């Protein structure tokens, strides 16, 4: 049986990794071994970063809602239970957007909840 060398596949795999490592620093975008390690770590960081981004945005929305509520004489911790008690289902993202972009509408929501 004839021996088949795997050079084409190896070259393809190396090129793929080096393309992903484009823009990395020093040998991390030139040498395959270093690039492969860097790409693996970058993948882990990006996975973790996608999870952290969700947490950070949620806390940002809560901060914005709380700031708008304090101007109206209410706190976030009192407002959220009132929302669920009055069966008003608006998520924090939308509430934060309304609080920033349309303060009059947000004030109406707060008055509706505070009855």
PDB file of N, CA and C in Angstrom:
ATOM      1  N   UNK A   1       0.839  -1.193   0.000  1.00  0.00           N
ATOM      2  CA  UNK A   1       0.000   0.000   0.000  1.00  0.00           C
ATOM      3  C   UNK A   1       0.879   1.249   0.000  1.00  0.00           C
ATOM      4  N   UNK A   2       0.413   2.262  -0.703  1.00  0.00           N
ATOM      5  CA  UNK A   2       1.178   3.486  -0.866  1.00  0.00           C
ATOM      6  C   UNK A   2       0.997   4.378   0.371  1.00  0.00           C
ATOM      7  N   UNK A   3       2.097   4.993   0.783  1.00  0.00           N
ATOM      8  CA  UNK A   3       2.035   5.905   1.927  1.00  0.00           C
ATOM      9  C   UNK A   3       1.541   7.261   1.449  1.00  0.00           C
ATOM     10  N   UNK A   4       0.563   7.824   2.190  1.00  0.00           N
ATOM     11  CA  UNK A   4       0.049   9.151   1.843  1.00  0.00           C
ATOM     12  C   UNK A   4       0.477  10.122   2.936  1.00  0.00           C
ATOM     13  N   UNK A   5       1.164  11.164   2.520  1.00  0.00           N
ATOM     14  CA  UNK A   5       1.631  12.153   3.483  1.00  0.00           C
ATOM     15  C   UNK A   5       0.503  13.150   3.763  1.00  0.00           C
ATOM     16  N   UNK A   6       0.448  13.646   4.983  1.00  0.00           N
ATOM     17  CA  UNK A   6      -0.646  14.540   5.403  1.00  0.00           C
ATOM     18  C   UNK A   6      -0.295  16.005   5.348  1.00  0.00           C
ATOM     19  N   UNK A   7       0.634  16.366   4.471  1.00  0.00           N
ATOM     20  CA  UNK A   7       1.117  17.744   4.424  1.00  0.00           C
ATOM     21  C   UNK A   7       0.049  18.757   4.063  1.00  0.00           C
ATOM     22  N   UNK A   8      -0.853  18.387   3.172  1.00  0.00           N
ATOM     23  CA  UNK A   8      -1.883  19.329   2.719  1.00  0.00           C
ATOM     24  C   UNK A   8      -2.827  19.670   3.874  1.00  0.00           C
ATOM     25  N   UNK A   9      -3.257  18.630   4.601  1.00  0.00           N
ATOM     26  CA  UNK A   9      -4.165  18.852   5.726  1.00  0.00           C
ATOM     27  C   UNK A   9      -3.476  19.642   6.843  1.00  0.00           C
ATOM     28  N   UNK A  10      -2.206  19.304   7.095  1.00  0.00           N
ATOM     29  CA  UNK A  10      -1.448  20.003   8.142  1.00  0.00           C
ATOM     30  C   UNK A  10      -1.320  21.475   7.796  1.00  0.00           C
ATOM     31  N   UNK A  11      -0.975  21.755   6.542  1.00  0.00           N
ATOM     32  CA  UNK A  11      -0.825  23.148   6.098  1.00  0.00           C
ATOM     33  C   UNK A  11      -2.148  23.891   6.236  1.00  0.00           C
ATOM     34  N   UNK A  12      -3.236  23.225   5.854  1.00  0.00           N
ATOM     35  CA  UNK A  12      -4.570  23.835   5.928  1.00  0.00           C
ATOM     36  C   UNK A  12      -4.921  24.169   7.384  1.00  0.00           C
ATOM     37  N   UNK A  13      -4.645  23.202   8.266  1.00  0.00           N
ATOM     38  CA  UNK A  13      -4.947  23.396   9.694  1.00  0.00           C
ATOM     39  C   UNK A  13      -4.099  24.532  10.280  1.00  0.00           C
ATOM     40  N   UNK A  14      -2.821  24.567   9.918  1.00  0.00           N
ATOM     41  CA  UNK A  14      -1.936  25.620  10.404  1.00  0.00           C
ATOM     42  C   UNK A  14      -2.405  26.989   9.912  1.00  0.00           C
ATOM     43  N   UNK A  15      -2.767  27.058   8.635  1.00  0.00           N
ATOM     44  CA  UNK A  15      -3.225  28.334   8.069  1.00  0.00           C
ATOM     45  C   UNK A  15      -4.485  28.829   8.776  1.00  0.00           C
ATOM     46  N   UNK A  16      -5.365  27.878   9.096  1.00  0.00           N
ATOM     47  CA  UNK A  16      -6.619  28.222   9.772  1.00  0.00           C
ATOM     48  C   UNK A  16      -6.332  28.857  11.139  1.00  0.00           C
ATOM     49  N   UNK A  17      -5.431  28.240  11.896  1.00  0.00           N
ATOM     50  CA  UNK A  17      -5.095  28.746  13.231  1.00  0.00           C
ATOM     51  C   UNK A  17      -4.376  30.084  13.124  1.00  0.00           C
ATOM     52  N   UNK A  18      -3.441  30.186  12.186  1.00  0.00           N
ATOM     53  CA  UNK A  18      -2.698  31.441  12.028  1.00  0.00           C
ATOM     54  C   UNK A  18      -3.615  32.580  11.575  1.00  0.00           C
ATOM     55  N   UNK A  19      -4.626  32.260  10.798  1.00  0.00           N
ATOM     56  CA  UNK A  19      -5.601  33.278  10.386  1.00  0.00           C
ATOM     57  C   UNK A  19      -6.394  33.769  11.596  1.00  0.00           C
ATOM     58  N   UNK A  20      -6.750  32.828  12.497  1.00  0.00           N
ATOM     59  CA  UNK A  20      -7.478  33.220  13.710  1.00  0.00           C
ATOM     60  C   UNK A  20      -6.600  34.055  14.633  1.00  0.00           C
ATOM     61  N   UNK A  21      -5.274  33.854  14.565  1.00  0.00           N
ATOM     62  CA  UNK A  21      -4.343  34.570  15.437  1.00  0.00           C
ATOM     63  C   UNK A  21      -3.881  35.884  14.836  1.00  0.00           C
ATOM     64  N   UNK A  22      -4.483  36.296  13.748  1.00  0.00           N
ATOM     65  CA  UNK A  22      -4.093  37.540  13.088  1.00  0.00           C
ATOM     66  C   UNK A  22      -4.296  38.710  14.047  1.00  0.00           C
ATOM     67  N   UNK A  23      -3.273  39.554  14.159  1.00  0.00           N
ATOM     68  CA  UNK A  23      -3.364  40.701  15.043  1.00  0.00           C
ATOM     69  C   UNK A  23      -2.799  40.435  16.426  1.00  0.00           C
ATOM     70  N   UNK A  24      -2.412  39.195  16.722  1.00  0.00           N
ATOM     71  CA  UNK A  24      -1.815  38.892  18.009  1.00  0.00           C
ATOM     72  C   UNK A  24      -0.382  39.416  18.015  1.00  0.00           C
ATOM     73  N   UNK A  25       0.207  39.467  19.169  1.00  0.00           N
ATOM     74  CA  UNK A  25       1.484  40.138  19.386  1.00  0.00           C
ATOM     75  C   UNK A  25       2.673  39.188  19.211  1.00  0.00           C
ATOM     76  N   UNK A  26       3.740  39.701  18.668  1.00  0.00           N
ATOM     77  CA  UNK A  26       5.020  38.995  18.486  1.00  0.00           C
ATOM     78  C   UNK A  26       4.865  37.646  17.771  1.00  0.00           C
ATOM     79  N   UNK A  27       5.374  36.558  18.391  1.00  0.00           N
ATOM     80  CA  UNK A  27       5.364  35.260  17.710  1.00  0.00           C
ATOM     81  C   UNK A  27       3.998  34.599  17.745  1.00  0.00           C
ATOM     82  N   UNK A  28       3.064  35.167  18.494  1.00  0.00           N
ATOM     83  CA  UNK A  28       1.754  34.541  18.653  1.00  0.00           C
ATOM     84  C   UNK A  28       0.933  34.588  17.356  1.00  0.00           C
ATOM     85  N   UNK A  29       1.342  35.363  16.400  1.00  0.00           N
ATOM     86  CA  UNK A  29       0.643  35.352  15.110  1.00  0.00           C
ATOM     87  C   UNK A  29       1.499  34.785  13.984  1.00  0.00           C
ATOM     88  N   UNK A  30       2.725  34.337  14.333  1.00  0.00           N
ATOM     89  CA  UNK A  30       3.628  33.809  13.310  1.00  0.00           C
ATOM     90  C   UNK A  30       3.887  32.319  13.468  1.00  0.00           C
ATOM     91  N   UNK A  31       4.154  31.895  14.692  1.00  0.00           N
ATOM     92  CA  UNK A  31       4.528  30.505  14.940  1.00  0.00           C
ATOM     93  C   UNK A  31       3.278  29.694  15.306  1.00  0.00           C
ATOM     94  N   UNK A  32       3.133  28.545  14.675  1.00  0.00           N
ATOM     95  CA  UNK A  32       1.922  27.747  14.859  1.00  0.00           C
ATOM     96  C   UNK A  32       1.704  27.337  16.308  1.00  0.00           C
ATOM     97  N   UNK A  33       2.745  26.834  16.968  1.00  0.00           N
ATOM     98  CA  UNK A  33       2.592  26.360  18.348  1.00  0.00           C
ATOM     99  C   UNK A  33       2.087  27.472  19.260  1.00  0.00           C
ATOM    100  N   UNK A  34       2.732  28.614  19.154  1.00  0.00           N
ATOM    101  CA  UNK A  34       2.343  29.754  20.000  1.00  0.00           C
ATOM    102  C   UNK A  34       0.963  30.271  19.611  1.00  0.00           C
ATOM    103  N   UNK A  35       0.698  30.300  18.314  1.00  0.00           N
ATOM    104  CA  UNK A  35      -0.593  30.799  17.831  1.00  0.00           C
ATOM    105  C   UNK A  35      -1.726  29.896  18.283  1.00  0.00           C
ATOM    106  N   UNK A  36      -1.513  28.591  18.231  1.00  0.00           N
ATOM    107  CA  UNK A  36      -2.557  27.652  18.638  1.00  0.00           C
ATOM    108  C   UNK A  36      -2.918  27.853  20.103  1.00  0.00           C
ATOM    109  N   UNK A  37      -1.897  28.005  20.945  1.00  0.00           N
ATOM    110  CA  UNK A  37      -2.124  28.233  22.376  1.00  0.00           C
ATOM    111  C   UNK A  37      -2.870  29.551  22.599  1.00  0.00           C
ATOM    112  N   UNK A  38      -2.460  30.587  21.879  1.00  0.00           N
ATOM    113  CA  UNK A  38      -3.090  31.897  22.024  1.00  0.00           C
ATOM    114  C   UNK A  38      -4.551  31.863  21.582  1.00  0.00           C
ATOM    115  N   UNK A  39      -4.825  31.154  20.493  1.00  0.00           N
ATOM    116  CA  UNK A  39      -6.198  31.054  19.976  1.00  0.00           C
ATOM    117  C   UNK A  39      -7.081  30.287  20.969  1.00  0.00           C
ATOM    118  N   UNK A  40      -6.551  29.223  21.567  1.00  0.00           N
ATOM    119  CA  UNK A  40      -7.313  28.469  22.560  1.00  0.00           C
ATOM    120  C   UNK A  40      -7.670  29.344  23.758  1.00  0.00           C
ATOM    121  N   UNK A  41      -6.687  30.098  24.255  1.00  0.00           N
ATOM    122  CA  UNK A  41      -6.960  30.988  25.388  1.00  0.00           C
ATOM    123  C   UNK A  41      -7.954  32.076  25.000  1.00  0.00           C
ATOM    124  N   UNK A  42      -7.796  32.619  23.803  1.00  0.00           N
ATOM    125  CA  UNK A  42      -8.711  33.678  23.348  1.00  0.00           C
ATOM    126  C   UNK A  42     -10.139  33.162  23.288  1.00  0.00           C
ATOM    127  N   UNK A  43     -10.296  31.907  22.859  1.00  0.00           N
ATOM    128  CA  UNK A  43     -11.626  31.303  22.815  1.00  0.00           C
ATOM    129  C   UNK A  43     -12.244  31.184  24.196  1.00  0.00           C
ATOM    130  N   UNK A  44     -11.430  30.815  25.174  1.00  0.00           N
ATOM    131  CA  UNK A  44     -11.924  30.714  26.556  1.00  0.00           C
ATOM    132  C   UNK A  44     -12.327  32.087  27.076  1.00  0.00           C
ATOM    133  N   UNK A  45     -11.496  33.080  26.796  1.00  0.00           N
ATOM    134  CA  UNK A  45     -11.793  34.431  27.279  1.00  0.00           C
ATOM    135  C   UNK A  45     -13.060  34.974  26.630  1.00  0.00           C
ATOM    136  N   UNK A  46     -13.233  34.709  25.343  1.00  0.00           N
ATOM    137  CA  UNK A  46     -14.411  35.240  24.651  1.00  0.00           C
ATOM    138  C   UNK A  46     -15.679  34.562  25.155  1.00  0.00           C
ATOM    139  N   UNK A  47     -15.595  33.269  25.458  1.00  0.00           N
ATOM    140  CA  UNK A  47     -16.749  32.547  26.010  1.00  0.00           C
ATOM    141  C   UNK A  47     -17.140  33.148  27.356  1.00  0.00           C
ATOM    142  N   UNK A  48     -16.140  33.330  28.206  1.00  0.00           N
ATOM    143  CA  UNK A  48     -16.390  33.907  29.528  1.00  0.00           C
ATOM    144  C   UNK A  48     -16.897  35.347  29.406  1.00  0.00           C
ATOM    145  N   UNK A  49     -16.333  36.090  28.444  1.00  0.00           N
ATOM    146  CA  UNK A  49     -16.728  37.481  28.245  1.00  0.00           C
ATOM    147  C   UNK A  49     -18.175  37.625  27.827  1.00  0.00           C
ATOM    148  N   UNK A  50     -18.668  36.673  27.030  1.00  0.00           N
ATOM    149  CA  UNK A  50     -20.074  36.733  26.609  1.00  0.00           C
ATOM    150  C   UNK A  50     -21.003  36.564  27.798  1.00  0.00           C
ATOM    151  N   UNK A  51     -20.606  35.748  28.761  1.00  0.00           N
ATOM    152  CA  UNK A  51     -21.418  35.563  29.974  1.00  0.00           C
ATOM    153  C   UNK A  51     -21.342  36.810  30.854  1.00  0.00           C
ATOM    154  N   UNK A  52     -20.141  37.373  30.991  1.00  0.00           N
ATOM    155  CA  UNK A  52     -19.956  38.556  31.838  1.00  0.00           C
ATOM    156  C   UNK A  52     -20.695  39.759  31.285  1.00  0.00           C
ATOM    157  N   UNK A  53     -20.752  39.855  29.959  1.00  0.00           N
ATOM    158  CA  UNK A  53     -21.430  40.996  29.326  1.00  0.00           C
ATOM    159  C   UNK A  53     -22.895  41.061  29.736  1.00  0.00           C
ATOM    160  N   UNK A  54     -23.538  39.898  29.821  1.00  0.00           N
ATOM    161  CA  UNK A  54     -24.947  39.838  30.221  1.00  0.00           C
ATOM    162  C   UNK A  54     -25.124  40.362  31.639  1.00  0.00           C
ATOM    163  N   UNK A  55     -24.201  39.975  32.536  1.00  0.00           N
ATOM    164  CA  UNK A  55     -24.263  40.429  33.931  1.00  0.00           C
ATOM    165  C   UNK A  55     -24.074  41.939  34.019  1.00  0.00           C
ATOM    166  N   UNK A  56     -23.087  42.444  33.273  1.00  0.00           N
ATOM    167  CA  UNK A  56     -22.764  43.865  33.334  1.00  0.00           C
ATOM    168  C   UNK A  56     -23.915  44.721  32.820  1.00  0.00           C
ATOM    169  N   UNK A  57     -24.550  44.274  31.737  1.00  0.00           N
ATOM    170  CA  UNK A  57     -25.674  45.048  31.203  1.00  0.00           C
ATOM    171  C   UNK A  57     -26.849  45.049  32.164  1.00  0.00           C
ATOM    172  N   UNK A  58     -27.124  43.906  32.792  1.00  0.00           N
ATOM    173  CA  UNK A  58     -28.230  43.844  33.747  1.00  0.00           C
ATOM    174  C   UNK A  58     -27.983  44.813  34.900  1.00  0.00           C
ATOM    175  N   UNK A  59     -26.762  44.850  35.423  1.00  0.00           N
ATOM    176  CA  UNK A  59     -26.463  45.764  36.528  1.00  0.00           C
ATOM    177  C   UNK A  59     -26.548  47.219  36.071  1.00  0.00           C
ATOM    178  N   UNK A  60     -26.162  47.489  34.828  1.00  0.00           N
ATOM    179  CA  UNK A  60     -26.281  48.845  34.283  1.00  0.00           C
ATOM    180  C   UNK A  60     -27.746  49.272  34.219  1.00  0.00           C
ATOM    181  N   UNK A  61     -28.610  48.357  33.738  1.00  0.00           N
ATOM    182  CA  UNK A  61     -30.044  48.668  33.668  1.00  0.00           C
ATOM    183  C   UNK A  61     -30.600  48.961  35.054  1.00  0.00           C
ATOM    184  N   UNK A  62     -30.200  48.166  36.042  1.00  0.00           N
ATOM    185  CA  UNK A  62     -30.687  48.352  37.413  1.00  0.00           C
ATOM    186  C   UNK A  62     -30.236  49.703  37.955  1.00  0.00           C
ATOM    187  N   UNK A  63     -28.997  50.080  37.696  1.00  0.00           N
ATOM    188  CA  UNK A  63     -28.473  51.374  38.145  1.00  0.00           C
ATOM    189  C   UNK A  63     -29.267  52.519  37.520  1.00  0.00           C
ATOM    190  N   UNK A  64     -29.557  52.417  36.222  1.00  0.00           N
ATOM    191  CA  UNK A  64     -30.307  53.471  35.532  1.00  0.00           C
ATOM    192  C   UNK A  64     -31.731  53.590  36.067  1.00  0.00           C
ATOM    193  N   UNK A  65     -32.377  52.446  36.288  1.00  0.00           N
ATOM    194  CA  UNK A  65     -33.745  52.453  36.815  1.00  0.00           C
ATOM    195  C   UNK A  65     -33.749  53.064  38.211  1.00  0.00           C
ATOM    196  N   UNK A  66     -32.799  52.663  39.036  1.00  0.00           N
ATOM    197  CA  UNK A  66     -32.727  53.161  40.408  1.00  0.00           C
ATOM    198  C   UNK A  66     -32.501  54.669  40.441  1.00  0.00           C
ATOM    199  N   UNK A  67     -31.632  55.154  39.559  1.00  0.00           N
ATOM    200  CA  UNK A  67     -31.360  56.598  39.508  1.00  0.00           C
ATOM    201  C   UNK A  67     -32.624  57.375  39.124  1.00  0.00           C
ATOM    202  N   UNK A  68     -33.355  56.863  38.146  1.00  0.00           N
ATOM    203  CA  UNK A  68     -34.591  57.527  37.715  1.00  0.00           C
ATOM    204  C   UNK A  68     -35.655  57.465  38.812  1.00  0.00           C
ATOM    205  N   UNK A  69     -35.716  56.352  39.524  1.00  0.00           N
ATOM    206  CA  UNK A  69     -36.708  56.190  40.597  1.00  0.00           C
ATOM    207  C   UNK A  69     -36.422  57.105  41.780  1.00  0.00           C
ATOM    208  N   UNK A  70     -35.175  57.287  42.112  1.00  0.00           N
ATOM    209  CA  UNK A  70     -34.815  58.135  43.250  1.00  0.00           C
ATOM    210  C   UNK A  70     -35.239  59.580  43.008  1.00  0.00           C
ATOM    211  N   UNK A  71     -35.214  60.011  41.746  1.00  0.00           N
ATOM    212  CA  UNK A  71     -35.706  61.358  41.423  1.00  0.00           C
ATOM    213  C   UNK A  71     -37.210  61.470  41.675  1.00  0.00           C
ATOM    214  N   UNK A  72     -37.896  60.335  41.632  1.00  0.00           N
ATOM    215  CA  UNK A  72     -39.346  60.302  41.833  1.00  0.00           C
ATOM    216  C   UNK A  72     -39.720  59.877  43.254  1.00  0.00           C
ATOM    217  N   UNK A  73     -38.728  59.757  44.134  1.00  0.00           N
ATOM    218  CA  UNK A  73     -38.990  59.446  45.537  1.00  0.00           C
ATOM    219  C   UNK A  73     -39.268  57.984  45.818  1.00  0.00           C
ATOM    220  N   UNK A  74     -38.673  57.100  45.054  1.00  0.00           N
ATOM    221  CA  UNK A  74     -38.868  55.667  45.244  1.00  0.00           C
ATOM    222  C   UNK A  74     -37.524  54.974  45.034  1.00  0.00           C
ATOM    223  N   UNK A  75     -37.387  53.761  45.547  1.00  0.00           N
ATOM    224  CA  UNK A  75     -36.145  53.022  45.327  1.00  0.00           C
ATOM    225  C   UNK A  75     -36.427  51.784  44.480  1.00  0.00           C
ATOM    226  N   UNK A  76     -35.369  51.262  43.900  1.00  0.00           N
ATOM    227  CA  UNK A  76     -35.474  50.086  43.032  1.00  0.00           C
ATOM    228  C   UNK A  76     -36.019  48.889  43.808  1.00  0.00           C
ATOM    229  N   UNK A  77     -35.524  48.706  45.030  1.00  0.00           N
ATOM    230  CA  UNK A  77     -35.914  47.530  45.813  1.00  0.00           C
ATOM    231  C   UNK A  77     -37.401  47.552  46.190  1.00  0.00           C
ATOM    232  N   UNK A  78     -38.000  48.726  46.263  1.00  0.00           N
ATOM    233  CA  UNK A  78     -39.437  48.824  46.532  1.00  0.00           C
ATOM    234  C   UNK A  78     -40.248  48.761  45.239  1.00  0.00           C
ATOM    235  N   UNK A  79     -39.648  49.248  44.166  1.00  0.00           N
ATOM    236  CA  UNK A  79     -40.359  49.363  42.880  1.00  0.00           C
ATOM    237  C   UNK A  79     -40.614  48.004  42.233  1.00  0.00           C
ATOM    238  N   UNK A  80     -39.624  47.126  42.217  1.00  0.00           N
ATOM    239  CA  UNK A  80     -39.736  45.831  41.537  1.00  0.00           C
ATOM    240  C   UNK A  80     -40.841  44.956  42.134  1.00  0.00           C
ATOM    241  N   UNK A  81     -40.931  44.830  43.472  1.00  0.00           N
ATOM    242  CA  UNK A  81     -42.064  44.052  44.000  1.00  0.00           C
ATOM    243  C   UNK A  81     -43.421  44.672  43.677  1.00  0.00           C
ATOM    244  N   UNK A  82     -43.481  46.010  43.627  1.00  0.00           N
ATOM    245  CA  UNK A  82     -44.735  46.682  43.264  1.00  0.00           C
ATOM    246  C   UNK A  82     -45.133  46.366  41.822  1.00  0.00           C
ATOM    247  N   UNK A  83     -44.141  46.288  40.957  1.00  0.00           N
ATOM    248  CA  UNK A  83     -44.408  45.936  39.554  1.00  0.00           C
ATOM    249  C   UNK A  83     -45.062  44.562  39.456  1.00  0.00           C
ATOM    250  N   UNK A  84     -44.464  43.582  40.130  1.00  0.00           N
ATOM    251  CA  UNK A  84     -45.002  42.220  40.041  1.00  0.00           C
ATOM    252  C   UNK A  84     -46.353  42.121  40.752  1.00  0.00           C
ATOM    253  N   UNK A  85     -46.537  42.895  41.829  1.00  0.00           N
ATOM    254  CA  UNK A  85     -47.805  42.890  42.551  1.00  0.00           C
ATOM    255  C   UNK A  85     -48.939  43.434  41.678  1.00  0.00           C
ATOM    256  N   UNK A  86     -48.625  44.444  40.873  1.00  0.00           N
ATOM    257  CA  UNK A  86     -49.610  45.046  39.967  1.00  0.00           C
ATOM    258  C   UNK A  86     -49.675  44.334  38.619  1.00  0.00           C
ATOM    259  N   UNK A  87     -48.959  43.230  38.501  1.00  0.00           N
ATOM    260  CA  UNK A  87     -48.941  42.410  37.283  1.00  0.00           C
ATOM    261  C   UNK A  87     -48.538  43.200  36.028  1.00  0.00           C
ATOM    262  N   UNK A  88     -47.520  44.042  36.202  1.00  0.00           N
ATOM    263  CA  UNK A  88     -46.947  44.783  35.069  1.00  0.00           C
ATOM    264  C   UNK A  88     -45.658  44.070  34.696  1.00  0.00           C
ATOM    265  N   UNK A  89     -45.621  43.492  33.503  1.00  0.00           N
ATOM    266  CA  UNK A  89     -44.465  42.710  33.087  1.00  0.00           C
ATOM    267  C   UNK A  89     -43.640  43.470  32.053  1.00  0.00           C
ATOM    268  N   UNK A  90     -42.750  44.310  32.550  1.00  0.00           N
ATOM    269  CA  UNK A  90     -41.785  45.014  31.690  1.00  0.00           C
ATOM    270  C   UNK A  90     -40.416  44.632  32.213  1.00  0.00           C
ATOM    271  N   UNK A  91     -39.549  44.171  31.324  1.00  0.00           N
ATOM    272  CA  UNK A  91     -38.226  43.759  31.799  1.00  0.00           C
ATOM    273  C   UNK A  91     -37.331  44.970  32.063  1.00  0.00           C
ATOM    274  N   UNK A  92     -36.217  44.710  32.726  1.00  0.00           N
ATOM    275  CA  UNK A  92     -35.334  45.781  33.164  1.00  0.00           C
ATOM    276  C   UNK A  92     -34.713  46.537  31.997  1.00  0.00           C
ATOM    277  N   UNK A  93     -34.451  45.849  30.921  1.00  0.00           N
ATOM    278  CA  UNK A  93     -33.848  46.493  29.747  1.00  0.00           C
ATOM    279  C   UNK A  93     -34.783  47.575  29.204  1.00  0.00           C
ATOM    280  N   UNK A  94     -36.056  47.233  29.044  1.00  0.00           N
ATOM    281  CA  UNK A  94     -37.032  48.179  28.514  1.00  0.00           C
ATOM    282  C   UNK A  94     -37.273  49.313  29.510  1.00  0.00           C
ATOM    283  N   UNK A  95     -37.369  48.976  30.802  1.00  0.00           N
ATOM    284  CA  UNK A  95     -37.562  50.002  31.825  1.00  0.00           C
ATOM    285  C   UNK A  95     -36.418  51.011  31.815  1.00  0.00           C
ATOM    286  N   UNK A  96     -35.189  50.515  31.707  1.00  0.00           N
ATOM    287  CA  UNK A  96     -34.019  51.396  31.688  1.00  0.00           C
ATOM    288  C   UNK A  96     -34.047  52.296  30.458  1.00  0.00           C
ATOM    289  N   UNK A  97     -34.430  51.730  29.315  1.00  0.00           N
ATOM    290  CA  UNK A  97     -34.497  52.521  28.078  1.00  0.00           C
ATOM    291  C   UNK A  97     -35.565  53.608  28.190  1.00  0.00           C
ATOM    292  N   UNK A  98     -36.720  53.247  28.746  1.00  0.00           N
ATOM    293  CA  UNK A  98     -37.795  54.236  28.937  1.00  0.00           C
ATOM    294  C   UNK A  98     -37.349  55.313  29.914  1.00  0.00           C
ATOM    295  N   UNK A  99     -36.690  54.912  31.002  1.00  0.00           N
ATOM    296  CA  UNK A  99     -36.241  55.864  32.025  1.00  0.00           C
ATOM    297  C   UNK A  99     -35.267  56.885  31.450  1.00  0.00           C
ATOM    298  N   UNK A 100     -34.408  56.447  30.544  1.00  0.00           N
ATOM    299  CA  UNK A 100     -33.403  57.352  29.966  1.00  0.00           C
ATOM    300  C   UNK A 100     -33.994  58.188  28.835  1.00  0.00           C
ATOM    301  N   UNK A 101     -34.715  57.539  27.911  1.00  0.00           N
ATOM    302  CA  UNK A 101     -35.179  58.222  26.699  1.00  0.00           C
ATOM    303  C   UNK A 101     -36.514  58.950  26.865  1.00  0.00           C
ATOM    304  N   UNK A 102     -37.411  58.407  27.699  1.00  0.00           N
ATOM    305  CA  UNK A 102     -38.759  58.980  27.848  1.00  0.00           C
ATOM    306  C   UNK A 102     -39.116  59.083  29.329  1.00  0.00           C
ATOM    307  N   UNK A 103     -38.576  60.095  30.029  1.00  0.00           N
ATOM    308  CA  UNK A 103     -38.818  60.217  31.470  1.00  0.00           C
ATOM    309  C   UNK A 103     -40.296  60.409  31.836  1.00  0.00           C
ATOM    310  N   UNK A 104     -41.078  61.072  30.949  1.00  0.00           N
ATOM    311  CA  UNK A 104     -42.497  61.300  31.245  1.00  0.00           C
ATOM    312  C   UNK A 104     -43.253  59.972  31.273  1.00  0.00           C
ATOM    313  N   UNK A 105     -42.963  59.094  30.334  1.00  0.00           N
ATOM    314  CA  UNK A 105     -43.606  57.785  30.269  1.00  0.00           C
ATOM    315  C   UNK A 105     -43.219  56.963  31.500  1.00  0.00           C
ATOM    316  N   UNK A 106     -41.943  57.041  31.866  1.00  0.00           N
ATOM    317  CA  UNK A 106     -41.469  56.308  33.044  1.00  0.00           C
ATOM    318  C   UNK A 106     -42.183  56.808  34.303  1.00  0.00           C
ATOM    319  N   UNK A 107     -42.375  58.111  34.380  1.00  0.00           N
ATOM    320  CA  UNK A 107     -43.082  58.691  35.538  1.00  0.00           C
ATOM    321  C   UNK A 107     -44.524  58.180  35.606  1.00  0.00           C
ATOM    322  N   UNK A 108     -45.170  58.029  34.450  1.00  0.00           N
ATOM    323  CA  UNK A 108     -46.529  57.478  34.419  1.00  0.00           C
ATOM    324  C   UNK A 108     -46.549  56.032  34.910  1.00  0.00           C
ATOM    325  N   UNK A 109     -45.546  55.253  34.506  1.00  0.00           N
ATOM    326  CA  UNK A 109     -45.455  53.851  34.959  1.00  0.00           C
ATOM    327  C   UNK A 109     -45.313  53.808  36.476  1.00  0.00           C
ATOM    328  N   UNK A 110     -44.460  54.687  37.016  1.00  0.00           N
ATOM    329  CA  UNK A 110     -44.230  54.714  38.463  1.00  0.00           C
ATOM    330  C   UNK A 110     -45.515  55.107  39.194  1.00  0.00           C
ATOM    331  N   UNK A 111     -46.237  56.096  38.651  1.00  0.00           N
ATOM    332  CA  UNK A 111     -47.499  56.510  39.281  1.00  0.00           C
ATOM    333  C   UNK A 111     -48.523  55.380  39.247  1.00  0.00           C
ATOM    334  N   UNK A 112     -48.570  54.633  38.142  1.00  0.00           N
ATOM    335  CA  UNK A 112     -49.484  53.502  38.004  1.00  0.00           C
ATOM    336  C   UNK A 112     -49.169  52.419  39.044  1.00  0.00           C
ATOM    337  N   UNK A 113     -47.899  52.184  39.272  1.00  0.00           N
ATOM    338  CA  UNK A 113     -47.471  51.168  40.226  1.00  0.00           C
ATOM    339  C   UNK A 113     -47.720  51.628  41.663  1.00  0.00           C
ATOM    340  N   UNK A 114     -47.540  52.893  41.909  1.00  0.00           N
ATOM    341  CA  UNK A 114     -47.573  53.456  43.265  1.00  0.00           C
ATOM    342  C   UNK A 114     -48.983  53.708  43.785  1.00  0.00           C
ATOM    343  N   UNK A 115     -50.008  53.416  43.008  1.00  0.00           N
ATOM    344  CA  UNK A 115     -51.395  53.691  43.430  1.00  0.00           C
ATOM    345  C   UNK A 115     -51.757  53.005  44.715  1.00  0.00           C
TER     346      UNK A 115
END
